[in-house]
Protein backbone atom coordinates (compact mmCIF):
# COMPACT_ATOMS: atom_id res chain seq x y z
CA UNK A 1 44.23 -87.14 -24.33
CA UNK A 2 43.89 -85.82 -20.81
CA UNK A 3 44.87 -82.36 -19.62
CA UNK A 4 44.92 -80.59 -16.26
CA UNK A 5 42.80 -77.46 -16.53
CA UNK A 6 41.98 -74.66 -14.12
CA UNK A 7 38.40 -73.41 -13.99
CA UNK A 8 37.69 -69.92 -12.66
CA UNK A 9 34.33 -68.32 -12.07
CA UNK A 10 31.44 -67.77 -11.78
CA UNK A 11 31.82 -64.41 -10.06
CA UNK A 12 34.12 -62.80 -12.62
CA UNK A 13 33.86 -59.06 -13.11
CA UNK A 14 33.99 -59.44 -16.89
CA UNK A 15 31.72 -62.25 -18.02
CA UNK A 16 31.53 -61.12 -21.64
CA UNK A 17 33.38 -64.26 -22.78
CA UNK A 18 31.62 -66.61 -20.38
CA UNK A 19 30.62 -67.22 -16.79
CA UNK A 20 33.52 -69.63 -16.37
CA UNK A 21 36.99 -69.31 -17.91
CA UNK A 22 39.07 -72.44 -18.45
CA UNK A 23 42.85 -72.45 -18.91
CA UNK A 24 45.54 -75.10 -18.91
CA UNK A 25 46.95 -75.56 -15.43
CA UNK A 26 49.81 -73.11 -14.92
CA UNK A 27 48.86 -70.92 -17.89
CA UNK A 28 50.48 -67.48 -17.61
CA UNK A 29 47.18 -65.88 -18.61
CA UNK A 30 45.79 -66.95 -15.23
CA UNK A 31 48.43 -64.85 -13.48
CA UNK A 32 47.59 -61.87 -15.69
CA UNK A 33 43.85 -62.43 -15.21
CA UNK A 34 44.27 -62.54 -11.41
CA UNK A 35 45.31 -58.87 -11.44
CA UNK A 36 41.85 -57.78 -12.56
CA UNK A 37 39.78 -60.75 -11.41
CA UNK A 38 40.20 -61.63 -7.71
CA UNK A 39 37.96 -64.66 -8.29
CA UNK A 40 40.86 -66.39 -10.06
CA UNK A 41 42.24 -67.27 -6.60
CA UNK A 42 39.15 -69.43 -6.08
CA UNK A 43 39.70 -71.43 -9.26
CA UNK A 44 40.12 -75.17 -9.13
CA UNK A 45 42.07 -77.63 -11.19
CA UNK A 46 40.78 -80.92 -12.59
CA UNK A 47 42.04 -83.56 -15.00
CA UNK A 48 39.79 -83.63 -18.08
CA UNK A 49 39.59 -85.87 -21.13
CA UNK A 50 37.00 -83.70 -22.89
CA UNK A 51 35.09 -80.46 -22.72
CA UNK A 52 32.17 -82.51 -21.43
CA UNK A 53 34.27 -83.50 -18.40
CA UNK A 54 34.85 -79.83 -17.64
CA UNK A 55 31.19 -78.86 -18.05
CA UNK A 56 30.03 -81.75 -15.88
CA UNK A 57 32.59 -80.85 -13.17
CA UNK A 58 30.81 -77.50 -12.80
CA UNK A 59 27.26 -78.51 -13.72
CA UNK A 60 26.79 -82.01 -12.33
CA UNK A 61 23.92 -83.59 -14.32
CA UNK A 62 22.36 -85.04 -11.17
CA UNK A 63 22.35 -81.72 -9.31
CA UNK A 64 21.23 -79.64 -12.28
CA UNK A 65 18.79 -82.29 -13.52
CA UNK A 66 19.69 -82.53 -17.17
CA UNK A 67 20.50 -85.46 -19.42
CA UNK A 68 24.14 -85.09 -20.56
CA UNK A 69 23.41 -87.41 -23.50
CA UNK A 70 20.86 -84.92 -24.82
CA UNK A 71 22.58 -82.22 -26.88
CA UNK A 72 19.51 -80.03 -26.47
CA UNK A 73 19.77 -80.15 -22.67
CA UNK A 74 23.60 -80.09 -22.54
CA UNK A 75 24.32 -77.22 -24.99
CA UNK A 76 23.12 -74.33 -22.77
CA UNK A 77 25.62 -75.33 -20.09
CA UNK A 78 28.55 -75.35 -22.54
CA UNK A 79 27.69 -71.77 -23.53
CA UNK A 80 28.64 -70.61 -20.02
CA UNK A 81 32.30 -71.44 -20.67
CA UNK A 82 35.17 -69.63 -22.32
CA UNK A 83 37.91 -72.09 -23.27
CA UNK A 84 41.28 -70.38 -23.68
CA UNK A 85 43.48 -71.48 -26.61
CA UNK A 86 45.76 -73.32 -24.17
CA UNK A 87 42.98 -75.86 -23.48
CA UNK A 88 43.54 -78.77 -25.86
CA UNK A 89 40.96 -81.34 -24.78
CA UNK A 90 38.54 -82.42 -27.52
CA UNK A 91 34.84 -81.76 -27.49
CA UNK A 92 32.54 -84.77 -27.29
CA UNK A 93 31.90 -84.91 -31.04
CA UNK A 94 35.63 -85.38 -31.68
CA UNK A 95 35.79 -88.22 -29.13
CA UNK A 96 32.76 -89.95 -30.68
CA UNK A 97 34.39 -89.62 -34.12
CA UNK A 98 37.57 -91.26 -32.81
CA UNK A 99 35.58 -94.14 -31.30
CA UNK A 100 33.73 -94.73 -34.57
CA UNK A 101 36.86 -94.61 -36.74
């Protein structure tokens, strides 16, 4: 299941939840967040099938020189993200489970 999501960051004033915040495209929380976080205006929207798609859109494996198939190398990048409840794309483990079912 694919969803359009808007990614904002990394220069957010409040990074306590993550360096990057991800919301569904058009989420009203983005409008509210823009009042305190000017960086929201620099967000970008992508179509994503999984959390991995979102992480790799920000941290391209070739540019950041990590193996996306290695959970050990991939996990630190995921930790930089806060996924709002409006984001309904599965994480990679859910996709793998669906493929193996």
